[in-house]
Amino acid sequence: MKKCKIFSAVLTLILSLSSLSGCEKNQNLDKLLNKDDPVTIQIWHYYNGVQQTSFDAMVDEFNNTVGLEKGIIVEASTKNSISELSKSIISSAKKEPGADELPNIFETYSETAFVIDNLGMLADLSKYFTEDEINEYVDEYINEGKFSGDNSLKIFPTAKSTEIMMLNLTDWQKFADATGATFDDLKTLEGVAETAEKYYNYTDALTPDIENDGKAFYGRDSMANYMSIGAKQLGGEFFPKDENNQTYLNLNKDVVKKLWDNYYIPYIKGYYASESRYRSDDVKIGSIIALVCSTTGASYYPKEVTINDDYSYPIENVVLPAPQFEGCDPYIVQQGAGMSVIKSNEKLEYASSVFLKWFTDSERNIEFSINSGYLPVKKEANNFEKISEINSDSEKSVNDATMNAIKIAIDEINSCTLYTSMPFEKSAETRDILSDSIQNVATEDYKEISQRIKNGEKRDKVLEEYTSDEYFENWFENFSETLKQTMNEK
């Protein structure tokens, strides 16, 4: 008993000293700041609309409270899009003619952060946060920012998203009543493909006098996500890292064939579609009734289907978890930009970290994130009851579709493993290849197949050519060679 009491006392002392160490660390850094001689922190972001309004309001709040107290003035400006922001940051970092001075903080995805870090220009934010503070954030979000392999924190999480499935419930119900289809059929990607075939046959049968006019059921917004998350689920991650933190290409033909069979094959048969820029637009024009999109896309899901100028009808929607490959460990995509800090001096870097810490306070971060379907970044904030409470108290509560998307996303985060590809020198180029490789050939082949059938050829006979193993082998050889060449480019 005496030994237990001694151990308990020692443990309490250690924890107390650890806590004091964190407090002393912040207090010592606070001495760098002077409220009578404030430091100005420039932020570049790509927020627009509701997000920009919300962010600007929070910057004003910071400047009038913590910033005023500590001597920090934050000035924020938008670059309108992530591509424009990325180009501007890289141009400024390389001091190209006409480029602006670098900001202190910039919003970024890992590919751009990787480029700036290779120039030796990113600050390690871990020195400005205690271990306890870091542990408050979702582990995978923090790990994404530690891409350099030396445990330094180069991207700080601010708002994240993942993928969900959305369904036109109005048209689904008619189909389900006629065929017995259920939501359980949509839990796996194999189930989605089978359901899409049933939907095509069901809609084709509605007009018995017209052959082969069945409708597509499903589409998805990000093919790069389908490829990378699918490969991870199937045990064949495309770009893993070795023990030296070096990325290498891992091409498993069986894994790629599974990806092919569950997207290309149903697509060329007319079961899937991708006609507009976003799949929510395809739902709006009646081309599909189910899609996988980012949680941020939930607010854009249409409330009616417009077939033509003379005919439209209202629809209800339902949000479901993103489907997984059957029998595999559940992975979901982790996406959304974070913020990086340009390496400068301790005063500016610390002032930047003070703002980031304030901005990601749980309640504040929830209020900012959910306005656009993003997810908060702290563990305690990923609680739907807490999110609902804050949303109901907000002057501008978000719509039901967005809240339903957030609820499903929170459930996914708590039951699946988050995954994102770590950046490497050719990560942007290889992501483009993953995005286009199956989709482009599927789109072109579907057009060609449709024309041949229209010209009088038998549908089954035409499809035999495109669904053969030989056809896949030829495509895979080209896909493989393109990735290898890209990885080896200097």
Foldseek 3Di string as FASTA:
>chain_A
DVVVVVVVVVVVVVVVVLVVVQVVLQVVLLVLFDLVAADEFEEEEQDDDPLVVLVVVVLVVCCVPVCNVSRYHYDYDYLNDQVSQLVLQVCQLVVPPPHDHHTFKYWHDQQSLVVSVVSVWFDQLPSLHRPVLVQQFDPVQQVLQVLVPPSGGFFAAQWKWWKWKKFQVVVVVVLCVVPVDDVVLQQALVSLLVVLVSQQVVQQVVCVVDHNPGAAAEDEQFLLQLLQQQCVQVPFHQWDADPVSHTDGTDDPVSVVVSCCSPLLSLLSRHYDDDDNGVLVCVQCPRHGMYMYMLLCLLVRDQKHDVDPVDIDGTDMAIGGHHHHPPTAFEIEMDDIGMTGTDDDSSSSSSVVVSSSVCLDLLNSLVSHLQRLIARGGPVNLDLVSSVVSLVVDPDRHDPRSSNSSVNRSVCVVRHHYDDDRHDDLVVVVSVLSRCLSVVVSVVSSVVLVVVVVVPDDNVVSSCVCPDPVNVVVSVVVSVVVVVVSVPDD
